[in-house]
Amino acid sequence: METERLTLRPIGRSDEDSLRALHADPEVMRYLDPAPVENYLGDGFHAAVEKATGRFAGWFEFKGTTEVELGYRLHRAFWGLGYATEGGKALIERGFTAGDVQRVVATTMFVNAGSRRVMEKCGLRHVRTFHADFPDPLPGTEYGEVEYALTKEEWQRAQGERHVADGIS
């Protein structure tokens, strides 16, 4: 799958070193618990490769059937460039138009303002703030986790409104 600036493809064994390097960055992992690289090699995980350079930018998760979890993790060099939003929107569009997806959900720590902003730019809306018990809580856990979501109906309505605003019928 391609976006304007990214190629999204299934993560494979050849990406293991790139995944380890991404997950070794303490700033990238600031709001995340580490998990074995093998966890990202299954269905629903996509390597994000910058088309212009061929560099591994990070990964996207789009996993589920009718309810799909959206996730993303990018190298710091790709932060603030709109890549997370670009990849997220593309996966959402494909899920709603070519798949059986009825609802997209995403969660993050309340204090992760950057990730929350990406969710909002992708069209997801805040559903709830909740507190979960973690055996080894990260700093900021005391403020809770947030869930964002977008239904297919909401997405279709927004697409129609965008076309009207753009003068497209």
N, C-alpha and C. Protein backbone atom coordinates (compact mmCIF):
# COMPACT_ATOMS: atom_id res chain seq x y z
N MET A 1 0.85 -1.17 0.00
CA MET A 1 0.00 0.00 0.00
C MET A 1 0.89 1.24 0.00
N GLU A 2 0.49 2.24 -0.77
CA GLU A 2 1.30 3.45 -0.84
C GLU A 2 0.46 4.68 -0.49
N THR A 3 1.11 5.61 0.18
CA THR A 3 0.55 6.93 0.41
C THR A 3 1.40 7.91 -0.39
N GLU A 4 1.19 9.16 -0.20
CA GLU A 4 1.99 10.15 -0.94
C GLU A 4 3.49 9.98 -0.69
N ARG A 5 3.86 9.73 0.59
CA ARG A 5 5.28 9.69 0.94
C ARG A 5 5.76 8.38 1.54
N LEU A 6 4.85 7.44 1.76
CA LEU A 6 5.20 6.19 2.44
C LEU A 6 4.77 4.96 1.64
N THR A 7 5.52 3.91 1.82
CA THR A 7 5.08 2.58 1.41
C THR A 7 4.81 1.81 2.69
N LEU A 8 3.64 1.23 2.80
CA LEU A 8 3.26 0.40 3.95
C LEU A 8 3.18 -1.03 3.46
N ARG A 9 3.94 -1.90 4.08
CA ARG A 9 3.98 -3.31 3.70
C ARG A 9 4.04 -4.16 4.97
N PRO A 10 3.66 -5.43 4.87
CA PRO A 10 3.74 -6.28 6.06
C PRO A 10 5.16 -6.32 6.63
N ILE A 11 5.26 -6.27 7.94
CA ILE A 11 6.56 -6.39 8.60
C ILE A 11 7.02 -7.84 8.47
N GLY A 12 8.29 -8.02 8.14
CA GLY A 12 8.85 -9.36 7.99
C GLY A 12 10.11 -9.53 8.81
N ARG A 13 10.63 -10.72 8.78
CA ARG A 13 11.86 -11.03 9.52
C ARG A 13 13.01 -10.10 9.14
N SER A 14 13.04 -9.65 7.90
CA SER A 14 14.12 -8.75 7.46
C SER A 14 14.06 -7.39 8.15
N ASP A 15 12.95 -7.10 8.84
CA ASP A 15 12.78 -5.82 9.54
C ASP A 15 13.19 -5.89 11.01
N GLU A 16 13.63 -7.05 11.48
CA GLU A 16 13.90 -7.22 12.91
C GLU A 16 14.93 -6.22 13.43
N ASP A 17 16.02 -6.01 12.72
CA ASP A 17 17.04 -5.06 13.18
C ASP A 17 16.49 -3.64 13.22
N SER A 18 15.69 -3.29 12.23
CA SER A 18 15.07 -1.96 12.20
C SER A 18 14.11 -1.78 13.37
N LEU A 19 13.36 -2.81 13.68
CA LEU A 19 12.44 -2.76 14.83
C LEU A 19 13.21 -2.61 16.14
N ARG A 20 14.29 -3.36 16.28
CA ARG A 20 15.09 -3.28 17.51
C ARG A 20 15.67 -1.87 17.67
N ALA A 21 16.16 -1.30 16.58
CA ALA A 21 16.71 0.06 16.64
C ALA A 21 15.63 1.07 17.03
N LEU A 22 14.45 0.94 16.46
CA LEU A 22 13.34 1.83 16.80
C LEU A 22 12.99 1.71 18.27
N HIS A 23 12.88 0.49 18.75
CA HIS A 23 12.47 0.25 20.14
C HIS A 23 13.58 0.51 21.15
N ALA A 24 14.80 0.71 20.68
CA ALA A 24 15.92 1.01 21.58
C ALA A 24 15.99 2.49 21.93
N ASP A 25 15.22 3.32 21.23
CA ASP A 25 15.23 4.77 21.48
C ASP A 25 14.32 5.09 22.67
N PRO A 26 14.89 5.58 23.78
CA PRO A 26 14.07 5.85 24.97
C PRO A 26 12.99 6.89 24.73
N GLU A 27 13.20 7.84 23.84
CA GLU A 27 12.16 8.84 23.56
C GLU A 27 11.00 8.22 22.80
N VAL A 28 11.29 7.33 21.86
CA VAL A 28 10.23 6.63 21.13
C VAL A 28 9.40 5.79 22.10
N MET A 29 10.06 5.18 23.07
CA MET A 29 9.40 4.27 23.99
C MET A 29 8.91 4.95 25.27
N ARG A 30 9.00 6.25 25.33
CA ARG A 30 8.68 7.00 26.55
C ARG A 30 7.32 6.63 27.16
N TYR A 31 6.31 6.43 26.32
CA TYR A 31 4.96 6.14 26.81
C TYR A 31 4.55 4.70 26.56
N LEU A 32 5.52 3.84 26.27
CA LEU A 32 5.20 2.48 25.84
C LEU A 32 5.98 1.44 26.62
N ASP A 33 5.36 0.31 26.83
CA ASP A 33 6.05 -0.82 27.42
C ASP A 33 6.74 -1.59 26.31
N PRO A 34 7.96 -2.04 26.56
CA PRO A 34 8.65 -2.83 25.53
C PRO A 34 7.98 -4.20 25.36
N ALA A 35 8.02 -4.69 24.14
CA ALA A 35 7.52 -6.03 23.83
C ALA A 35 8.51 -6.70 22.89
N PRO A 36 8.57 -8.00 22.89
CA PRO A 36 9.51 -8.69 21.99
C PRO A 36 9.23 -8.34 20.53
N VAL A 37 10.28 -8.25 19.74
CA VAL A 37 10.16 -7.92 18.32
C VAL A 37 9.21 -8.88 17.61
N GLU A 38 9.19 -10.13 18.04
CA GLU A 38 8.34 -11.13 17.41
C GLU A 38 6.86 -10.74 17.45
N ASN A 39 6.47 -9.93 18.44
CA ASN A 39 5.08 -9.48 18.55
C ASN A 39 4.63 -8.65 17.36
N TYR A 40 5.58 -8.08 16.62
CA TYR A 40 5.24 -7.16 15.53
C TYR A 40 5.35 -7.83 14.16
N LEU A 41 5.64 -9.11 14.13
CA LEU A 41 5.84 -9.82 12.86
C LEU A 41 4.55 -10.45 12.33
N GLY A 42 3.48 -10.38 13.08
CA GLY A 42 2.24 -11.03 12.66
C GLY A 42 1.35 -10.15 11.82
N ASP A 43 0.17 -10.68 11.53
CA ASP A 43 -0.81 -9.94 10.76
C ASP A 43 -1.17 -8.64 11.45
N GLY A 44 -1.41 -7.64 10.64
CA GLY A 44 -1.87 -6.36 11.16
C GLY A 44 -0.78 -5.35 11.40
N PHE A 45 0.49 -5.73 11.25
CA PHE A 45 1.60 -4.79 11.44
C PHE A 45 2.24 -4.49 10.10
N HIS A 46 2.46 -3.21 9.85
CA HIS A 46 2.99 -2.74 8.56
C HIS A 46 4.24 -1.91 8.77
N ALA A 47 5.30 -2.26 8.06
CA ALA A 47 6.50 -1.43 8.06
C ALA A 47 6.18 -0.18 7.25
N ALA A 48 6.63 0.97 7.74
CA ALA A 48 6.48 2.24 7.02
C ALA A 48 7.84 2.62 6.47
N VAL A 49 7.94 2.69 5.16
CA VAL A 49 9.20 3.01 4.49
C VAL A 49 9.02 4.33 3.74
N GLU A 50 9.93 5.26 3.99
CA GLU A 50 9.87 6.55 3.31
C GLU A 50 10.21 6.34 1.83
N LYS A 51 9.29 6.71 0.95
CA LYS A 51 9.48 6.47 -0.48
C LYS A 51 10.70 7.20 -1.04
N ALA A 52 10.91 8.42 -0.61
CA ALA A 52 11.99 9.24 -1.18
C ALA A 52 13.38 8.69 -0.86
N THR A 53 13.53 8.06 0.31
CA THR A 53 14.86 7.62 0.74
C THR A 53 14.99 6.12 0.91
N GLY A 54 13.86 5.40 1.01
CA GLY A 54 13.90 3.97 1.28
C GLY A 54 14.18 3.64 2.74
N ARG A 55 14.19 4.66 3.61
CA ARG A 55 14.48 4.44 5.03
C ARG A 55 13.27 3.89 5.77
N PHE A 56 13.55 2.99 6.72
CA PHE A 56 12.52 2.46 7.61
C PHE A 56 12.11 3.58 8.56
N ALA A 57 10.88 4.05 8.43
CA ALA A 57 10.40 5.16 9.25
C ALA A 57 9.80 4.68 10.57
N GLY A 58 9.26 3.47 10.56
CA GLY A 58 8.60 2.93 11.74
C GLY A 58 7.57 1.90 11.34
N TRP A 59 6.53 1.77 12.13
CA TRP A 59 5.49 0.80 11.81
C TRP A 59 4.11 1.33 12.18
N PHE A 60 3.11 0.68 11.56
CA PHE A 60 1.71 0.93 11.86
C PHE A 60 1.05 -0.39 12.19
N GLU A 61 0.12 -0.33 13.11
CA GLU A 61 -0.71 -1.48 13.45
C GLU A 61 -2.12 -1.17 12.97
N PHE A 62 -2.73 -2.12 12.32
CA PHE A 62 -4.13 -2.02 11.92
C PHE A 62 -4.65 -3.44 11.99
N LYS A 63 -5.04 -3.84 13.21
CA LYS A 63 -5.28 -5.25 13.51
C LYS A 63 -6.68 -5.44 14.05
N GLY A 64 -7.36 -6.43 13.49
CA GLY A 64 -8.69 -6.78 13.93
C GLY A 64 -9.53 -7.19 12.73
N THR A 65 -10.83 -7.34 12.95
CA THR A 65 -11.73 -7.67 11.85
C THR A 65 -12.73 -6.55 11.66
N THR A 66 -13.83 -6.57 12.39
CA THR A 66 -14.79 -5.46 12.25
C THR A 66 -14.41 -4.29 13.15
N GLU A 67 -13.78 -4.57 14.29
CA GLU A 67 -13.21 -3.52 15.13
C GLU A 67 -11.70 -3.66 15.06
N VAL A 68 -11.05 -2.59 14.64
CA VAL A 68 -9.62 -2.64 14.35
C VAL A 68 -8.88 -1.66 15.27
N GLU A 69 -7.72 -2.10 15.75
CA GLU A 69 -6.89 -1.23 16.56
C GLU A 69 -5.85 -0.54 15.68
N LEU A 70 -5.81 0.77 15.78
CA LEU A 70 -4.81 1.57 15.07
C LEU A 70 -3.69 1.91 16.04
N GLY A 71 -2.46 1.68 15.60
CA GLY A 71 -1.29 2.03 16.39
C GLY A 71 -0.18 2.46 15.45
N TYR A 72 0.82 3.13 15.98
CA TYR A 72 1.93 3.61 15.16
C TYR A 72 3.11 3.89 16.05
N ARG A 73 4.28 3.76 15.47
CA ARG A 73 5.52 4.06 16.17
C ARG A 73 6.53 4.46 15.11
N LEU A 74 7.06 5.65 15.21
CA LEU A 74 8.00 6.18 14.22
C LEU A 74 9.31 6.60 14.87
N HIS A 75 10.39 6.49 14.10
CA HIS A 75 11.68 7.03 14.54
C HIS A 75 11.51 8.54 14.75
N ARG A 76 12.26 9.08 15.70
CA ARG A 76 12.19 10.53 15.99
C ARG A 76 12.45 11.39 14.77
N ALA A 77 13.31 10.94 13.87
CA ALA A 77 13.61 11.72 12.66
C ALA A 77 12.36 11.96 11.81
N PHE A 78 11.31 11.17 12.04
CA PHE A 78 10.08 11.29 11.24
C PHE A 78 8.94 11.93 12.03
N TRP A 79 9.21 12.34 13.25
CA TRP A 79 8.18 13.02 14.05
C TRP A 79 7.93 14.41 13.50
N GLY A 80 6.70 14.87 13.61
CA GLY A 80 6.36 16.23 13.23
C GLY A 80 6.27 16.46 11.73
N LEU A 81 6.35 15.40 10.94
CA LEU A 81 6.30 15.54 9.48
C LEU A 81 4.95 15.12 8.90
N GLY A 82 4.05 14.69 9.75
CA GLY A 82 2.73 14.27 9.29
C GLY A 82 2.66 12.82 8.82
N TYR A 83 3.74 12.06 9.00
CA TYR A 83 3.76 10.68 8.54
C TYR A 83 2.79 9.79 9.31
N ALA A 84 2.69 9.98 10.61
CA ALA A 84 1.78 9.16 11.41
C ALA A 84 0.34 9.39 10.97
N THR A 85 -0.02 10.64 10.73
CA THR A 85 -1.36 10.96 10.26
C THR A 85 -1.59 10.40 8.86
N GLU A 86 -0.62 10.56 7.99
CA GLU A 86 -0.73 10.08 6.61
C GLU A 86 -0.94 8.57 6.56
N GLY A 87 -0.14 7.83 7.29
CA GLY A 87 -0.28 6.38 7.32
C GLY A 87 -1.57 5.94 7.99
N GLY A 88 -1.90 6.59 9.10
CA GLY A 88 -3.14 6.25 9.81
C GLY A 88 -4.37 6.48 8.96
N LYS A 89 -4.45 7.62 8.30
CA LYS A 89 -5.59 7.93 7.43
C LYS A 89 -5.71 6.93 6.29
N ALA A 90 -4.58 6.55 5.70
CA ALA A 90 -4.61 5.61 4.59
C ALA A 90 -5.13 4.25 5.03
N LEU A 91 -4.68 3.77 6.18
CA LEU A 91 -5.15 2.49 6.69
C LEU A 91 -6.64 2.54 7.03
N ILE A 92 -7.06 3.63 7.62
CA ILE A 92 -8.48 3.80 7.97
C ILE A 92 -9.33 3.78 6.70
N GLU A 93 -8.90 4.55 5.69
CA GLU A 93 -9.67 4.59 4.44
C GLU A 93 -9.76 3.20 3.81
N ARG A 94 -8.64 2.50 3.75
CA ARG A 94 -8.65 1.15 3.17
C ARG A 94 -9.56 0.22 3.97
N GLY A 95 -9.48 0.32 5.30
CA GLY A 95 -10.32 -0.54 6.15
C GLY A 95 -11.80 -0.30 5.95
N PHE A 96 -12.19 0.96 5.81
CA PHE A 96 -13.60 1.29 5.66
C PHE A 96 -14.11 1.08 4.23
N THR A 97 -13.24 1.16 3.24
CA THR A 97 -13.70 1.03 1.85
C THR A 97 -13.48 -0.36 1.25
N ALA A 98 -12.43 -1.04 1.67
CA ALA A 98 -12.10 -2.33 1.06
C ALA A 98 -12.20 -3.49 2.04
N GLY A 99 -12.51 -3.21 3.28
CA GLY A 99 -12.57 -4.27 4.29
C GLY A 99 -13.91 -4.27 4.99
N ASP A 100 -14.00 -5.08 6.02
CA ASP A 100 -15.23 -5.20 6.80
C ASP A 100 -15.17 -4.34 8.06
N VAL A 101 -14.25 -3.42 8.13
CA VAL A 101 -14.06 -2.61 9.33
C VAL A 101 -15.29 -1.73 9.57
N GLN A 102 -15.78 -1.77 10.80
CA GLN A 102 -16.92 -0.95 11.21
C GLN A 102 -16.51 0.11 12.22
N ARG A 103 -15.38 -0.14 12.92
CA ARG A 103 -14.94 0.79 13.97
C ARG A 103 -13.43 0.67 14.12
N VAL A 104 -12.79 1.83 14.24
CA VAL A 104 -11.35 1.90 14.49
C VAL A 104 -11.16 2.48 15.89
N VAL A 105 -10.32 1.85 16.69
CA VAL A 105 -10.03 2.34 18.04
C VAL A 105 -8.52 2.53 18.20
N ALA A 106 -8.15 3.42 19.08
CA ALA A 106 -6.75 3.66 19.40
C ALA A 106 -6.67 4.11 20.84
N THR A 107 -5.61 3.71 21.53
CA THR A 107 -5.41 4.12 22.91
C THR A 107 -3.99 4.62 23.11
N THR A 108 -3.84 5.48 24.09
CA THR A 108 -2.53 5.97 24.49
C THR A 108 -2.64 6.50 25.90
N MET A 109 -1.51 6.85 26.46
CA MET A 109 -1.52 7.50 27.77
C MET A 109 -2.07 8.91 27.63
N PHE A 110 -2.80 9.36 28.61
CA PHE A 110 -3.36 10.72 28.59
C PHE A 110 -2.27 11.75 28.31
N VAL A 111 -1.10 11.56 28.90
CA VAL A 111 -0.03 12.56 28.78
C VAL A 111 0.67 12.56 27.42
N ASN A 112 0.35 11.60 26.55
CA ASN A 112 0.98 11.53 25.23
C ASN A 112 0.22 12.42 24.24
N ALA A 113 0.44 13.73 24.37
CA ALA A 113 -0.29 14.71 23.57
C ALA A 113 -0.04 14.53 22.07
N GLY A 114 1.17 14.17 21.67
CA GLY A 114 1.47 13.99 20.26
C GLY A 114 0.65 12.88 19.63
N SER A 115 0.55 11.77 20.31
CA SER A 115 -0.23 10.65 19.79
C SER A 115 -1.71 10.98 19.77
N ARG A 116 -2.18 11.67 20.78
CA ARG A 116 -3.59 12.07 20.82
C ARG A 116 -3.91 12.98 19.63
N ARG A 117 -3.00 13.87 19.32
CA ARG A 117 -3.21 14.79 18.19
C ARG A 117 -3.27 14.01 16.87
N VAL A 118 -2.43 13.01 16.71
CA VAL A 118 -2.48 12.18 15.49
C VAL A 118 -3.84 11.51 15.39
N MET A 119 -4.32 10.94 16.49
CA MET A 119 -5.63 10.29 16.48
C MET A 119 -6.71 11.26 16.02
N GLU A 120 -6.67 12.48 16.54
CA GLU A 120 -7.66 13.48 16.17
C GLU A 120 -7.55 13.86 14.70
N LYS A 121 -6.32 14.02 14.20
CA LYS A 121 -6.14 14.35 12.78
C LYS A 121 -6.60 13.22 11.87
N CYS A 122 -6.57 11.99 12.38
CA CYS A 122 -7.06 10.84 11.61
C CYS A 122 -8.58 10.72 11.67
N GLY A 123 -9.23 11.60 12.44
CA GLY A 123 -10.69 11.61 12.52
C GLY A 123 -11.26 10.92 13.74
N LEU A 124 -10.42 10.33 14.58
CA LEU A 124 -10.91 9.67 15.77
C LEU A 124 -11.27 10.71 16.83
N ARG A 125 -12.23 10.36 17.66
CA ARG A 125 -12.68 11.26 18.73
C ARG A 125 -12.51 10.57 20.08
N HIS A 126 -12.25 11.40 21.09
CA HIS A 126 -12.08 10.89 22.46
C HIS A 126 -13.37 10.22 22.92
N VAL A 127 -13.24 8.97 23.38
CA VAL A 127 -14.37 8.20 23.87
C VAL A 127 -14.38 8.16 25.39
N ARG A 128 -13.19 7.91 25.96
CA ARG A 128 -13.14 7.80 27.42
C ARG A 128 -11.71 7.92 27.91
N THR A 129 -11.61 8.27 29.18
CA THR A 129 -10.35 8.22 29.91
C THR A 129 -10.54 7.15 30.98
N PHE A 130 -9.56 6.29 31.14
CA PHE A 130 -9.70 5.20 32.10
C PHE A 130 -8.35 4.95 32.78
N HIS A 131 -8.41 4.25 33.87
CA HIS A 131 -7.20 3.90 34.62
C HIS A 131 -7.04 2.39 34.61
N ALA A 132 -5.85 1.94 34.29
CA ALA A 132 -5.54 0.51 34.28
C ALA A 132 -4.41 0.26 35.27
N ASP A 133 -4.40 -0.92 35.82
CA ASP A 133 -3.33 -1.30 36.75
C ASP A 133 -2.20 -1.94 35.96
N PHE A 134 -1.00 -1.43 36.14
CA PHE A 134 0.18 -1.96 35.48
C PHE A 134 1.16 -2.42 36.55
N PRO A 135 1.83 -3.55 36.33
CA PRO A 135 2.78 -4.04 37.33
C PRO A 135 3.97 -3.10 37.52
N ASP A 136 4.37 -2.42 36.46
CA ASP A 136 5.51 -1.50 36.51
C ASP A 136 5.12 -0.22 35.77
N PRO A 137 4.29 0.63 36.40
CA PRO A 137 3.73 1.78 35.69
C PRO A 137 4.79 2.77 35.21
N LEU A 138 4.54 3.34 34.04
CA LEU A 138 5.40 4.36 33.46
C LEU A 138 5.07 5.71 34.07
N PRO A 139 6.00 6.65 34.06
CA PRO A 139 5.68 8.01 34.52
C PRO A 139 4.52 8.58 33.69
N GLY A 140 3.55 9.14 34.37
CA GLY A 140 2.37 9.70 33.71
C GLY A 140 1.17 8.78 33.77
N THR A 141 1.38 7.52 34.18
CA THR A 141 0.28 6.55 34.26
C THR A 141 -0.82 7.04 35.19
N GLU A 142 -0.44 7.81 36.18
CA GLU A 142 -1.44 8.28 37.16
C GLU A 142 -2.52 9.16 36.53
N TYR A 143 -2.26 9.71 35.33
CA TYR A 143 -3.25 10.53 34.63
C TYR A 143 -4.20 9.70 33.78
N GLY A 144 -3.90 8.42 33.63
CA GLY A 144 -4.80 7.50 32.93
C GLY A 144 -4.45 7.28 31.47
N GLU A 145 -5.27 6.45 30.88
CA GLU A 145 -5.19 6.10 29.46
C GLU A 145 -6.40 6.73 28.78
N VAL A 146 -6.28 6.96 27.49
CA VAL A 146 -7.41 7.49 26.73
C VAL A 146 -7.72 6.56 25.56
N GLU A 147 -8.98 6.46 25.25
CA GLU A 147 -9.43 5.70 24.09
C GLU A 147 -10.08 6.67 23.11
N TYR A 148 -9.70 6.52 21.86
CA TYR A 148 -10.28 7.28 20.77
C TYR A 148 -10.91 6.29 19.80
N ALA A 149 -11.93 6.71 19.06
CA ALA A 149 -12.58 5.79 18.13
C ALA A 149 -13.22 6.56 16.97
N LEU A 150 -13.46 5.82 15.90
CA LEU A 150 -14.12 6.33 14.71
C LEU A 150 -14.91 5.19 14.10
N THR A 151 -16.21 5.42 13.85
CA THR A 151 -17.02 4.39 13.20
C THR A 151 -17.03 4.64 11.69
N LYS A 152 -17.38 3.60 10.97
CA LYS A 152 -17.47 3.72 9.51
C LYS A 152 -18.49 4.78 9.13
N GLU A 153 -19.60 4.81 9.83
CA GLU A 153 -20.65 5.80 9.55
C GLU A 153 -20.12 7.22 9.77
N GLU A 154 -19.40 7.44 10.85
CA GLU A 154 -18.81 8.76 11.11
C GLU A 154 -17.81 9.14 10.03
N TRP A 155 -16.99 8.18 9.62
CA TRP A 155 -15.99 8.43 8.58
C TRP A 155 -16.67 8.77 7.26
N GLN A 156 -17.71 8.00 6.88
CA GLN A 156 -18.42 8.27 5.63
C GLN A 156 -19.07 9.65 5.65
N ARG A 157 -19.65 10.01 6.79
CA ARG A 157 -20.27 11.34 6.91
C ARG A 157 -19.22 12.43 6.74
N ALA A 158 -18.06 12.26 7.35
CA ALA A 158 -16.98 13.25 7.22
C ALA A 158 -16.48 13.34 5.79
N GLN A 159 -16.42 12.21 5.08
CA GLN A 159 -15.99 12.22 3.68
C GLN A 159 -16.99 13.00 2.84
N GLY A 160 -18.28 12.79 3.11
CA GLY A 160 -19.31 13.53 2.38
C GLY A 160 -19.23 15.02 2.64
N GLU A 161 -19.01 15.39 3.90
CA GLU A 161 -18.89 16.81 4.25
C GLU A 161 -17.65 17.43 3.60
N ARG A 162 -16.57 16.66 3.53
CA ARG A 162 -15.34 17.17 2.90
C ARG A 162 -15.58 17.39 1.40
N HIS A 163 -16.28 16.47 0.75
CA HIS A 163 -16.55 16.62 -0.68
C HIS A 163 -17.44 17.83 -0.95
N VAL A 164 -18.44 18.05 -0.08
CA VAL A 164 -19.29 19.22 -0.23
C VAL A 164 -18.48 20.50 -0.06
N ALA A 165 -17.62 20.53 0.95
CA ALA A 165 -16.79 21.71 1.19
C ALA A 165 -15.83 21.97 0.03
N ASP A 166 -15.39 20.88 -0.63
CA ASP A 166 -14.48 21.02 -1.76
C ASP A 166 -15.20 21.26 -3.08
N GLY A 167 -16.55 21.26 -3.04
CA GLY A 167 -17.31 21.48 -4.26
C GLY A 167 -17.40 20.25 -5.13
N ILE A 168 -17.19 19.07 -4.55
CA ILE A 168 -17.25 17.82 -5.29
C ILE A 168 -18.60 17.17 -5.01
N SER A 169 -19.29 16.76 -6.04
CA SER A 169 -20.60 16.12 -5.81
C SER A 169 -20.56 14.66 -6.16
